[in-house]
Amino acid sequence: MTIKAFIIVVLVAASSARGQATSAQAYVTTGLFIGAIEEGARIFTPARLLPFDHPEALGHQFPTVLQLHRDEDRLLLLLGKHAGLRLSATLQRYPTQPDTLWPYAPFQPPPLASFQSVTPITRRAADAPLSGLRAVAFLDRFPLAFIVDTRGLTLTERQMQQATTMGLDVTRAQFIAALRDAARAVPAVGPAILVYQR
């Protein structure tokens, strides 16, 4: 290989790596935490993992969604369907009716059409890297949407000492690390849906 050819290969590889990093940063993760109201958890909490400095995030680890936007609700409905959850009535009215706007530029809205015909990859709930993780939609292994349902799980099963409103006791960094761990079960490129079956 000539020096010129070697330089071209290196530049193409670097460009590709930058493109993948840019792609991963082009979306924001949105999901649902479903907990047991009997232990003081919020039974249904949508969250959007905006950057900490985003005005809507207010520095929170798991900022609560005030309104679902352009196809976030439909992607969560699709995830719920694959996980055996019927979420349409709740998502259409809580916290407020979804709309078609997308106020989170430079992030892109979730590409719902890419997931419509995806066959889910299933795993046992015991294999989930996070207690209560039911389903995740990935694009190029980036988690676009998730559902965590901790109902029916003991505090011991969740490695917790006391109950919390979201049903788990993890930081955003720990949560994202668990989603990255889950991503190893799906292809590196393209849309994928991973479901942990109870």
N, C-alpha and C. Protein backbone atom coordinates (compact mmCIF):
# COMPACT_ATOMS: atom_id res chain seq x y z
N MET A 1 0.84 -1.18 0.00
CA MET A 1 0.00 0.00 0.00
C MET A 1 0.88 1.24 0.00
N THR A 2 0.60 2.17 -0.89
CA THR A 2 1.37 3.40 -0.96
C THR A 2 1.00 4.30 0.20
N ILE A 3 1.85 5.30 0.44
CA ILE A 3 1.58 6.26 1.52
C ILE A 3 0.28 7.01 1.24
N LYS A 4 0.08 7.38 -0.04
CA LYS A 4 -1.14 8.10 -0.39
C LYS A 4 -2.38 7.25 -0.12
N ALA A 5 -2.35 5.97 -0.50
CA ALA A 5 -3.49 5.07 -0.26
C ALA A 5 -3.72 4.90 1.24
N PHE A 6 -2.63 4.79 2.01
CA PHE A 6 -2.74 4.63 3.45
C PHE A 6 -3.41 5.86 4.07
N ILE A 7 -3.01 7.04 3.65
CA ILE A 7 -3.60 8.29 4.17
C ILE A 7 -5.10 8.35 3.85
N ILE A 8 -5.46 7.93 2.63
CA ILE A 8 -6.88 7.94 2.24
C ILE A 8 -7.67 6.99 3.14
N VAL A 9 -7.13 5.79 3.40
CA VAL A 9 -7.82 4.83 4.27
C VAL A 9 -8.01 5.40 5.66
N VAL A 10 -6.96 6.03 6.20
CA VAL A 10 -7.04 6.62 7.54
C VAL A 10 -8.08 7.73 7.58
N LEU A 11 -8.09 8.60 6.56
CA LEU A 11 -9.06 9.70 6.52
C LEU A 11 -10.49 9.19 6.42
N VAL A 12 -10.70 8.16 5.59
CA VAL A 12 -12.05 7.60 5.46
C VAL A 12 -12.50 6.98 6.78
N ALA A 13 -11.59 6.27 7.45
CA ALA A 13 -11.93 5.65 8.74
C ALA A 13 -12.26 6.72 9.78
N ALA A 14 -11.47 7.79 9.80
CA ALA A 14 -11.71 8.87 10.76
C ALA A 14 -13.03 9.55 10.47
N SER A 15 -13.32 9.77 9.19
CA SER A 15 -14.58 10.39 8.80
C SER A 15 -15.76 9.52 9.20
N SER A 16 -15.62 8.22 8.99
CA SER A 16 -16.69 7.28 9.36
C SER A 16 -16.92 7.29 10.87
N ALA A 17 -15.83 7.31 11.63
CA ALA A 17 -15.95 7.33 13.09
C ALA A 17 -16.63 8.61 13.55
N ARG A 18 -16.27 9.75 12.92
CA ARG A 18 -16.92 11.01 13.25
C ARG A 18 -18.40 10.95 12.91
N GLY A 19 -18.73 10.34 11.78
CA GLY A 19 -20.11 10.21 11.35
C GLY A 19 -20.93 9.39 12.34
N GLN A 20 -20.33 8.30 12.84
CA GLN A 20 -21.04 7.48 13.81
C GLN A 20 -21.24 8.24 15.11
N ALA A 21 -20.23 8.97 15.55
CA ALA A 21 -20.36 9.76 16.77
C ALA A 21 -21.43 10.82 16.59
N THR A 22 -21.44 11.47 15.42
CA THR A 22 -22.44 12.49 15.15
C THR A 22 -23.83 11.87 15.13
N SER A 23 -23.95 10.68 14.50
CA SER A 23 -25.24 10.00 14.44
C SER A 23 -25.74 9.69 15.84
N ALA A 24 -24.85 9.20 16.70
CA ALA A 24 -25.25 8.85 18.05
C ALA A 24 -25.72 10.08 18.83
N GLN A 25 -25.13 11.24 18.53
CA GLN A 25 -25.50 12.46 19.24
C GLN A 25 -26.70 13.16 18.59
N ALA A 26 -27.18 12.64 17.47
CA ALA A 26 -28.24 13.32 16.74
C ALA A 26 -29.61 13.07 17.34
N TYR A 27 -29.72 12.16 18.30
CA TYR A 27 -31.01 11.82 18.89
C TYR A 27 -30.98 11.98 20.40
N VAL A 28 -32.16 12.04 20.98
CA VAL A 28 -32.29 12.11 22.43
C VAL A 28 -33.14 10.91 22.88
N THR A 29 -32.78 10.32 24.00
CA THR A 29 -33.47 9.13 24.51
C THR A 29 -34.72 9.53 25.30
N THR A 30 -35.84 8.89 24.97
CA THR A 30 -37.10 9.12 25.67
C THR A 30 -37.64 7.78 26.14
N GLY A 31 -38.26 7.76 27.30
CA GLY A 31 -38.79 6.49 27.77
C GLY A 31 -39.81 6.62 28.87
N LEU A 32 -40.22 5.47 29.38
CA LEU A 32 -41.23 5.40 30.43
C LEU A 32 -40.71 4.60 31.61
N PHE A 33 -40.96 5.12 32.81
CA PHE A 33 -40.75 4.37 34.04
C PHE A 33 -42.13 4.04 34.59
N ILE A 34 -42.39 2.76 34.79
CA ILE A 34 -43.68 2.33 35.34
C ILE A 34 -43.37 1.66 36.68
N GLY A 35 -43.99 2.17 37.75
CA GLY A 35 -43.68 1.66 39.08
C GLY A 35 -44.92 1.28 39.86
N ALA A 36 -44.71 0.69 41.02
CA ALA A 36 -45.80 0.26 41.90
C ALA A 36 -46.22 1.41 42.79
N ILE A 37 -47.45 1.86 42.61
CA ILE A 37 -47.95 2.97 43.40
C ILE A 37 -48.02 2.60 44.88
N GLU A 38 -48.15 1.31 45.17
CA GLU A 38 -48.25 0.85 46.56
C GLU A 38 -46.98 1.15 47.36
N GLU A 39 -45.86 1.26 46.68
CA GLU A 39 -44.62 1.55 47.40
C GLU A 39 -44.20 3.01 47.24
N GLY A 40 -45.11 3.83 46.72
CA GLY A 40 -44.83 5.26 46.61
C GLY A 40 -44.21 5.67 45.29
N ALA A 41 -44.13 4.75 44.35
CA ALA A 41 -43.58 5.10 43.03
C ALA A 41 -44.65 5.79 42.20
N ARG A 42 -44.20 6.57 41.24
CA ARG A 42 -45.13 7.12 40.27
C ARG A 42 -45.49 5.98 39.32
N ILE A 43 -46.76 5.75 39.14
CA ILE A 43 -47.15 4.59 38.35
C ILE A 43 -46.74 4.74 36.89
N PHE A 44 -46.59 5.98 36.42
CA PHE A 44 -46.30 6.19 35.00
C PHE A 44 -45.53 7.51 34.86
N THR A 45 -44.25 7.42 34.53
CA THR A 45 -43.44 8.63 34.41
C THR A 45 -42.65 8.62 33.10
N PRO A 46 -43.06 9.45 32.13
CA PRO A 46 -42.23 9.61 30.93
C PRO A 46 -41.00 10.46 31.26
N ALA A 47 -39.87 10.12 30.67
CA ALA A 47 -38.64 10.88 30.89
C ALA A 47 -37.92 11.06 29.56
N ARG A 48 -37.27 12.21 29.40
CA ARG A 48 -36.48 12.49 28.20
C ARG A 48 -35.09 12.90 28.66
N LEU A 49 -34.06 12.17 28.23
CA LEU A 49 -32.70 12.39 28.72
C LEU A 49 -32.01 13.52 27.95
N LEU A 50 -32.53 14.71 28.14
CA LEU A 50 -31.93 15.90 27.54
C LEU A 50 -30.61 16.21 28.24
N PRO A 51 -29.71 16.95 27.58
CA PRO A 51 -28.48 17.37 28.27
C PRO A 51 -28.83 18.12 29.55
N PHE A 52 -28.00 17.98 30.57
CA PHE A 52 -28.27 18.59 31.87
C PHE A 52 -28.46 20.10 31.77
N ASP A 53 -27.77 20.74 30.81
CA ASP A 53 -27.88 22.21 30.71
C ASP A 53 -29.04 22.67 29.84
N HIS A 54 -29.83 21.74 29.32
CA HIS A 54 -31.00 22.13 28.52
C HIS A 54 -32.04 22.76 29.45
N PRO A 55 -32.66 23.87 29.02
CA PRO A 55 -33.62 24.56 29.90
C PRO A 55 -34.74 23.67 30.44
N GLU A 56 -35.16 22.70 29.65
CA GLU A 56 -36.25 21.82 30.09
C GLU A 56 -35.77 20.76 31.07
N ALA A 57 -34.48 20.46 31.06
CA ALA A 57 -33.94 19.41 31.93
C ALA A 57 -33.75 19.91 33.36
N LEU A 58 -33.47 21.17 33.51
CA LEU A 58 -33.26 21.77 34.84
C LEU A 58 -32.22 21.04 35.67
N GLY A 59 -31.24 20.44 34.99
CA GLY A 59 -30.17 19.74 35.69
C GLY A 59 -30.56 18.41 36.29
N HIS A 60 -31.78 17.93 36.03
CA HIS A 60 -32.24 16.67 36.62
C HIS A 60 -31.63 15.46 35.91
N GLN A 61 -31.44 14.39 36.67
CA GLN A 61 -30.91 13.14 36.11
C GLN A 61 -31.88 12.55 35.09
N PHE A 62 -33.17 12.56 35.43
CA PHE A 62 -34.21 11.98 34.56
C PHE A 62 -35.36 12.99 34.43
N PRO A 63 -35.18 14.01 33.58
CA PRO A 63 -36.21 15.05 33.47
C PRO A 63 -37.55 14.47 33.02
N THR A 64 -38.60 14.83 33.76
CA THR A 64 -39.94 14.35 33.42
C THR A 64 -40.43 15.05 32.15
N VAL A 65 -41.02 14.27 31.27
CA VAL A 65 -41.55 14.81 30.01
C VAL A 65 -42.83 15.59 30.29
N LEU A 66 -42.91 16.80 29.77
CA LEU A 66 -44.11 17.60 29.90
C LEU A 66 -45.08 17.33 28.76
N GLN A 67 -44.53 16.97 27.60
CA GLN A 67 -45.35 16.64 26.44
C GLN A 67 -44.50 15.80 25.49
N LEU A 68 -45.11 14.75 24.94
CA LEU A 68 -44.42 13.95 23.93
C LEU A 68 -44.56 14.63 22.58
N HIS A 69 -43.48 14.59 21.80
CA HIS A 69 -43.45 15.28 20.51
C HIS A 69 -43.17 14.30 19.37
N ARG A 70 -43.41 14.75 18.21
CA ARG A 70 -43.28 14.06 16.93
C ARG A 70 -42.79 12.61 17.00
N ASP A 71 -43.71 11.69 17.05
CA ASP A 71 -43.49 10.24 16.97
C ASP A 71 -42.86 9.61 18.21
N GLU A 72 -42.54 10.40 19.25
CA GLU A 72 -42.06 9.77 20.48
C GLU A 72 -43.15 8.85 21.05
N ASP A 73 -44.38 9.35 21.05
CA ASP A 73 -45.48 8.55 21.60
C ASP A 73 -45.70 7.28 20.78
N ARG A 74 -45.63 7.38 19.47
CA ARG A 74 -45.88 6.22 18.61
C ARG A 74 -44.76 5.18 18.74
N LEU A 75 -43.53 5.63 18.93
CA LEU A 75 -42.44 4.68 19.14
C LEU A 75 -42.61 3.97 20.48
N LEU A 76 -43.03 4.71 21.50
CA LEU A 76 -43.27 4.09 22.80
C LEU A 76 -44.46 3.13 22.75
N LEU A 77 -45.48 3.47 21.97
CA LEU A 77 -46.61 2.55 21.78
C LEU A 77 -46.15 1.25 21.13
N LEU A 78 -45.29 1.38 20.13
CA LEU A 78 -44.77 0.20 19.44
C LEU A 78 -43.94 -0.66 20.40
N LEU A 79 -43.09 -0.01 21.19
CA LEU A 79 -42.30 -0.75 22.19
C LEU A 79 -43.22 -1.46 23.18
N GLY A 80 -44.23 -0.73 23.66
CA GLY A 80 -45.16 -1.31 24.61
C GLY A 80 -45.87 -2.51 24.04
N LYS A 81 -46.28 -2.41 22.78
CA LYS A 81 -46.96 -3.53 22.13
C LYS A 81 -46.07 -4.77 22.13
N HIS A 82 -44.81 -4.60 21.79
CA HIS A 82 -43.89 -5.74 21.77
C HIS A 82 -43.63 -6.30 23.17
N ALA A 83 -43.76 -5.43 24.19
CA ALA A 83 -43.53 -5.87 25.58
C ALA A 83 -44.82 -6.34 26.24
N GLY A 84 -45.92 -6.34 25.49
CA GLY A 84 -47.19 -6.79 26.04
C GLY A 84 -47.91 -5.75 26.87
N LEU A 85 -47.61 -4.48 26.64
CA LEU A 85 -48.24 -3.39 27.39
C LEU A 85 -49.11 -2.55 26.44
N ARG A 86 -50.31 -2.26 26.88
CA ARG A 86 -51.20 -1.40 26.09
C ARG A 86 -51.13 0.01 26.67
N LEU A 87 -50.46 0.89 25.97
CA LEU A 87 -50.17 2.21 26.51
C LEU A 87 -50.92 3.35 25.82
N SER A 88 -51.71 3.04 24.80
CA SER A 88 -52.26 4.11 23.97
C SER A 88 -53.14 5.09 24.74
N ALA A 89 -54.05 4.60 25.55
CA ALA A 89 -54.95 5.51 26.27
C ALA A 89 -54.17 6.44 27.19
N THR A 90 -53.18 5.89 27.87
CA THR A 90 -52.39 6.70 28.80
C THR A 90 -51.51 7.69 28.07
N LEU A 91 -50.81 7.24 27.04
CA LEU A 91 -49.91 8.14 26.31
C LEU A 91 -50.66 9.26 25.60
N GLN A 92 -51.89 9.02 25.21
CA GLN A 92 -52.64 10.05 24.50
C GLN A 92 -53.13 11.15 25.43
N ARG A 93 -53.15 10.91 26.73
CA ARG A 93 -53.68 11.94 27.62
C ARG A 93 -52.73 12.40 28.71
N TYR A 94 -51.58 11.73 28.88
CA TYR A 94 -50.70 12.07 29.99
C TYR A 94 -49.28 12.22 29.52
N PRO A 95 -48.57 13.24 29.89
CA PRO A 95 -49.03 14.35 30.75
C PRO A 95 -49.95 15.33 30.01
N THR A 96 -49.80 15.41 28.71
CA THR A 96 -50.75 16.15 27.88
C THR A 96 -50.70 15.52 26.50
N GLN A 97 -51.67 15.82 25.67
CA GLN A 97 -51.76 15.15 24.37
C GLN A 97 -50.51 15.40 23.52
N PRO A 98 -49.96 14.35 22.89
CA PRO A 98 -48.76 14.53 22.04
C PRO A 98 -49.06 15.46 20.87
N ASP A 99 -48.00 16.09 20.36
CA ASP A 99 -48.16 16.93 19.17
C ASP A 99 -47.13 16.55 18.11
N THR A 100 -47.16 17.24 16.99
CA THR A 100 -46.26 16.93 15.87
C THR A 100 -45.04 17.84 15.83
N LEU A 101 -44.90 18.73 16.77
CA LEU A 101 -43.76 19.65 16.79
C LEU A 101 -42.51 18.91 17.24
N TRP A 102 -41.35 19.53 16.96
CA TRP A 102 -40.09 18.98 17.46
C TRP A 102 -39.22 20.14 17.95
N PRO A 103 -39.31 20.48 19.24
CA PRO A 103 -38.61 21.66 19.76
C PRO A 103 -37.20 21.40 20.28
N TYR A 104 -36.57 20.29 19.88
CA TYR A 104 -35.29 19.92 20.46
C TYR A 104 -34.12 19.94 19.49
N ALA A 105 -34.16 20.79 18.49
CA ALA A 105 -33.01 20.93 17.59
C ALA A 105 -31.79 21.30 18.44
N PRO A 106 -30.60 20.78 18.09
CA PRO A 106 -30.22 20.07 16.88
C PRO A 106 -30.51 18.57 16.91
N PHE A 107 -31.11 18.04 17.97
CA PHE A 107 -31.48 16.62 17.98
C PHE A 107 -32.57 16.38 16.95
N GLN A 108 -32.60 15.16 16.42
CA GLN A 108 -33.60 14.78 15.44
C GLN A 108 -34.74 14.02 16.12
N PRO A 109 -35.96 14.10 15.58
CA PRO A 109 -37.05 13.29 16.13
C PRO A 109 -36.80 11.81 15.83
N PRO A 110 -37.40 10.92 16.59
CA PRO A 110 -37.17 9.49 16.33
C PRO A 110 -37.71 9.09 14.96
N PRO A 111 -36.93 8.33 14.18
CA PRO A 111 -37.36 7.90 12.84
C PRO A 111 -38.30 6.69 12.94
N LEU A 112 -39.55 6.94 13.28
CA LEU A 112 -40.52 5.88 13.55
C LEU A 112 -40.63 4.87 12.41
N ALA A 113 -40.64 5.35 11.17
CA ALA A 113 -40.83 4.46 10.02
C ALA A 113 -39.79 3.34 9.99
N SER A 114 -38.59 3.62 10.48
CA SER A 114 -37.53 2.62 10.48
C SER A 114 -37.85 1.43 11.37
N PHE A 115 -38.76 1.61 12.34
CA PHE A 115 -39.04 0.57 13.32
C PHE A 115 -40.33 -0.20 13.06
N GLN A 116 -41.13 0.26 12.10
CA GLN A 116 -42.46 -0.31 11.89
C GLN A 116 -42.42 -1.81 11.55
N SER A 117 -41.43 -2.23 10.80
CA SER A 117 -41.39 -3.64 10.38
C SER A 117 -40.25 -4.43 11.04
N VAL A 118 -39.69 -3.89 12.10
CA VAL A 118 -38.59 -4.57 12.78
C VAL A 118 -39.13 -5.73 13.62
N THR A 119 -38.53 -6.89 13.49
CA THR A 119 -38.86 -8.04 14.33
C THR A 119 -38.04 -7.93 15.62
N PRO A 120 -38.70 -7.91 16.76
CA PRO A 120 -37.96 -7.74 18.02
C PRO A 120 -37.02 -8.90 18.32
N ILE A 121 -35.94 -8.57 18.97
CA ILE A 121 -35.03 -9.57 19.53
C ILE A 121 -35.47 -9.76 20.97
N THR A 122 -35.69 -10.99 21.38
CA THR A 122 -36.17 -11.24 22.73
C THR A 122 -35.10 -11.92 23.59
N ARG A 123 -35.12 -11.55 24.85
CA ARG A 123 -34.23 -12.13 25.85
C ARG A 123 -35.05 -12.36 27.12
N ARG A 124 -34.54 -13.18 28.00
CA ARG A 124 -35.19 -13.40 29.29
C ARG A 124 -35.02 -12.17 30.17
N ALA A 125 -36.02 -11.88 30.99
CA ALA A 125 -35.94 -10.74 31.91
C ALA A 125 -34.71 -10.86 32.81
N ALA A 126 -34.35 -12.10 33.18
CA ALA A 126 -33.20 -12.33 34.05
C ALA A 126 -31.89 -11.87 33.40
N ASP A 127 -31.88 -11.76 32.06
CA ASP A 127 -30.68 -11.34 31.35
C ASP A 127 -30.55 -9.83 31.20
N ALA A 128 -31.57 -9.10 31.63
CA ALA A 128 -31.55 -7.63 31.49
C ALA A 128 -30.45 -7.03 32.36
N PRO A 129 -29.71 -6.06 31.84
CA PRO A 129 -28.65 -5.44 32.62
C PRO A 129 -29.16 -4.44 33.65
N LEU A 130 -30.49 -4.27 33.70
CA LEU A 130 -31.10 -3.32 34.62
C LEU A 130 -32.43 -3.91 35.08
N SER A 131 -32.66 -3.93 36.37
CA SER A 131 -33.92 -4.47 36.88
C SER A 131 -35.10 -3.72 36.29
N GLY A 132 -36.08 -4.48 35.79
CA GLY A 132 -37.29 -3.87 35.26
C GLY A 132 -37.21 -3.43 33.81
N LEU A 133 -36.05 -3.52 33.19
CA LEU A 133 -35.95 -3.11 31.78
C LEU A 133 -36.79 -4.07 30.94
N ARG A 134 -37.78 -3.52 30.23
CA ARG A 134 -38.70 -4.35 29.45
C ARG A 134 -38.42 -4.28 27.96
N ALA A 135 -38.12 -3.08 27.45
CA ALA A 135 -37.93 -2.95 26.00
C ALA A 135 -37.11 -1.70 25.69
N VAL A 136 -36.32 -1.80 24.61
CA VAL A 136 -35.51 -0.67 24.15
C VAL A 136 -35.52 -0.65 22.63
N ALA A 137 -35.68 0.54 22.06
CA ALA A 137 -35.54 0.72 20.62
C ALA A 137 -34.17 1.36 20.38
N PHE A 138 -33.35 0.70 19.56
CA PHE A 138 -32.01 1.19 19.25
C PHE A 138 -31.91 1.57 17.78
N LEU A 139 -31.14 2.59 17.50
CA LEU A 139 -30.74 2.92 16.14
C LEU A 139 -29.22 3.00 16.13
N ASP A 140 -28.58 2.11 15.38
CA ASP A 140 -27.11 2.01 15.40
C ASP A 140 -26.61 1.89 16.84
N ARG A 141 -27.35 1.10 17.61
CA ARG A 141 -27.06 0.83 19.02
C ARG A 141 -27.25 2.03 19.94
N PHE A 142 -27.78 3.12 19.44
CA PHE A 142 -28.12 4.26 20.30
C PHE A 142 -29.55 4.06 20.81
N PRO A 143 -29.78 4.16 22.12
CA PRO A 143 -31.12 3.94 22.65
C PRO A 143 -32.04 5.14 22.41
N LEU A 144 -33.00 4.96 21.53
CA LEU A 144 -33.96 6.03 21.22
C LEU A 144 -35.11 6.06 22.22
N ALA A 145 -35.57 4.88 22.63
CA ALA A 145 -36.72 4.80 23.53
C ALA A 145 -36.59 3.57 24.40
N PHE A 146 -37.18 3.65 25.60
CA PHE A 146 -37.10 2.52 26.53
C PHE A 146 -38.37 2.45 27.37
N ILE A 147 -38.60 1.28 27.93
CA ILE A 147 -39.65 1.09 28.93
C ILE A 147 -39.04 0.30 30.08
N VAL A 148 -39.17 0.87 31.28
CA VAL A 148 -38.74 0.19 32.50
C VAL A 148 -39.99 0.01 33.36
N ASP A 149 -40.24 -1.23 33.78
CA ASP A 149 -41.42 -1.55 34.58
C ASP A 149 -40.97 -2.32 35.81
N THR A 150 -41.00 -1.66 36.96
CA THR A 150 -40.50 -2.30 38.18
C THR A 150 -41.63 -2.88 39.04
N ARG A 151 -42.85 -2.86 38.54
CA ARG A 151 -43.95 -3.45 39.30
C ARG A 151 -43.69 -4.95 39.48
N GLY A 152 -43.95 -5.43 40.65
CA GLY A 152 -43.78 -6.86 40.91
C GLY A 152 -42.36 -7.26 41.27
N LEU A 153 -41.43 -6.31 41.26
CA LEU A 153 -40.04 -6.62 41.63
C LEU A 153 -39.80 -6.14 43.06
N THR A 154 -39.19 -6.99 43.86
CA THR A 154 -38.88 -6.60 45.24
C THR A 154 -37.72 -5.62 45.26
N LEU A 155 -37.56 -4.94 46.39
CA LEU A 155 -36.42 -4.04 46.55
C LEU A 155 -35.12 -4.82 46.43
N THR A 156 -35.09 -6.02 46.97
CA THR A 156 -33.89 -6.86 46.89
C THR A 156 -33.54 -7.16 45.43
N GLU A 157 -34.56 -7.49 44.62
CA GLU A 157 -34.32 -7.77 43.21
C GLU A 157 -33.78 -6.55 42.48
N ARG A 158 -34.10 -5.37 42.99
CA ARG A 158 -33.62 -4.13 42.39
C ARG A 158 -32.37 -3.61 43.07
N GLN A 159 -31.84 -4.37 44.02
CA GLN A 159 -30.65 -3.99 44.78
C GLN A 159 -30.83 -2.62 45.43
N MET A 160 -31.98 -2.46 46.10
CA MET A 160 -32.33 -1.19 46.74
C MET A 160 -32.64 -1.40 48.21
N GLN A 161 -32.40 -0.37 49.00
CA GLN A 161 -32.72 -0.40 50.42
C GLN A 161 -34.11 0.16 50.70
N GLN A 162 -34.51 1.16 49.92
CA GLN A 162 -35.82 1.78 50.10
C GLN A 162 -36.39 2.18 48.75
N ALA A 163 -37.71 2.32 48.71
CA ALA A 163 -38.40 2.63 47.46
C ALA A 163 -38.10 4.06 47.00
N THR A 164 -38.21 4.28 45.69
CA THR A 164 -38.05 5.61 45.10
C THR A 164 -39.24 5.87 44.18
N THR A 165 -39.44 7.12 43.82
CA THR A 165 -40.59 7.46 42.98
C THR A 165 -40.47 6.88 41.58
N MET A 166 -39.25 6.66 41.07
CA MET A 166 -39.10 6.11 39.72
C MET A 166 -38.95 4.59 39.73
N GLY A 167 -38.94 3.99 40.90
CA GLY A 167 -38.85 2.54 40.98
C GLY A 167 -37.45 1.98 40.94
N LEU A 168 -36.46 2.82 40.68
CA LEU A 168 -35.05 2.41 40.67
C LEU A 168 -34.24 3.41 41.47
N ASP A 169 -33.03 3.05 41.79
CA ASP A 169 -32.12 3.96 42.48
C ASP A 169 -30.79 3.94 41.73
N VAL A 170 -30.79 4.61 40.58
CA VAL A 170 -29.59 4.67 39.73
C VAL A 170 -29.39 6.09 39.24
N THR A 171 -28.16 6.40 38.87
CA THR A 171 -27.87 7.68 38.25
C THR A 171 -28.10 7.56 36.75
N ARG A 172 -28.11 8.69 36.08
CA ARG A 172 -28.25 8.65 34.63
C ARG A 172 -27.07 7.89 34.00
N ALA A 173 -25.87 8.12 34.52
CA ALA A 173 -24.68 7.44 33.98
C ALA A 173 -24.82 5.92 34.12
N GLN A 174 -25.31 5.45 35.27
CA GLN A 174 -25.51 4.01 35.46
C GLN A 174 -26.59 3.48 34.54
N PHE A 175 -27.65 4.27 34.36
CA PHE A 175 -28.75 3.87 33.50
C PHE A 175 -28.28 3.74 32.05
N ILE A 176 -27.55 4.74 31.58
CA ILE A 176 -27.05 4.72 30.20
C ILE A 176 -26.06 3.58 30.01
N ALA A 177 -25.24 3.32 31.02
CA ALA A 177 -24.29 2.20 30.94
C ALA A 177 -25.06 0.88 30.78
N ALA A 178 -26.18 0.74 31.48
CA ALA A 178 -26.99 -0.48 31.35
C ALA A 178 -27.58 -0.59 29.95
N LEU A 179 -28.04 0.53 29.38
CA LEU A 179 -28.58 0.50 28.02
C LEU A 179 -27.48 0.15 27.01
N ARG A 180 -26.27 0.65 27.24
CA ARG A 180 -25.15 0.30 26.36
C ARG A 180 -24.84 -1.19 26.44
N ASP A 181 -24.95 -1.72 27.65
CA ASP A 181 -24.74 -3.15 27.83
C ASP A 181 -25.81 -3.94 27.07
N ALA A 182 -27.05 -3.49 27.16
CA ALA A 182 -28.15 -4.14 26.44
C ALA A 182 -27.93 -4.07 24.93
N ALA A 183 -27.34 -2.98 24.46
CA ALA A 183 -27.14 -2.78 23.02
C ALA A 183 -26.25 -3.85 22.39
N ARG A 184 -25.47 -4.53 23.19
CA ARG A 184 -24.61 -5.59 22.64
C ARG A 184 -25.41 -6.74 22.06
N ALA A 185 -26.70 -6.82 22.42
CA ALA A 185 -27.55 -7.91 21.92
C ALA A 185 -28.17 -7.61 20.56
N VAL A 186 -27.96 -6.38 20.05
CA VAL A 186 -28.57 -6.00 18.77
C VAL A 186 -27.49 -5.71 17.74
N PRO A 187 -27.84 -5.71 16.45
CA PRO A 187 -26.85 -5.40 15.42
C PRO A 187 -26.26 -4.00 15.60
N ALA A 188 -25.02 -3.83 15.17
CA ALA A 188 -24.33 -2.56 15.33
C ALA A 188 -24.91 -1.46 14.45
N VAL A 189 -25.54 -1.84 13.35
CA VAL A 189 -26.06 -0.86 12.39
C VAL A 189 -27.54 -1.12 12.16
N GLY A 190 -28.30 -0.04 12.08
CA GLY A 190 -29.71 -0.13 11.75
C GLY A 190 -30.61 -0.11 12.97
N PRO A 191 -31.94 -0.12 12.72
CA PRO A 191 -32.91 -0.11 13.82
C PRO A 191 -33.05 -1.50 14.43
N ALA A 192 -33.29 -1.54 15.73
CA ALA A 192 -33.50 -2.81 16.42
C ALA A 192 -34.38 -2.56 17.64
N ILE A 193 -35.18 -3.55 17.96
CA ILE A 193 -36.00 -3.51 19.17
C ILE A 193 -35.64 -4.73 20.01
N LEU A 194 -35.29 -4.46 21.25
CA LEU A 194 -34.92 -5.52 22.19
C LEU A 194 -35.98 -5.60 23.28
N VAL A 195 -36.51 -6.79 23.50
CA VAL A 195 -37.56 -6.99 24.50
C VAL A 195 -37.10 -8.04 25.50
N TYR A 196 -37.23 -7.69 26.78
CA TYR A 196 -36.94 -8.66 27.84
C TYR A 196 -38.26 -9.22 28.34
N GLN A 197 -38.46 -10.51 28.15
CA GLN A 197 -39.73 -11.16 28.47
C GLN A 197 -39.75 -11.68 29.90
N ARG A 198 -40.84 -11.37 30.59
CA ARG A 198 -41.02 -11.88 31.96
C ARG A 198 -41.67 -13.23 31.91
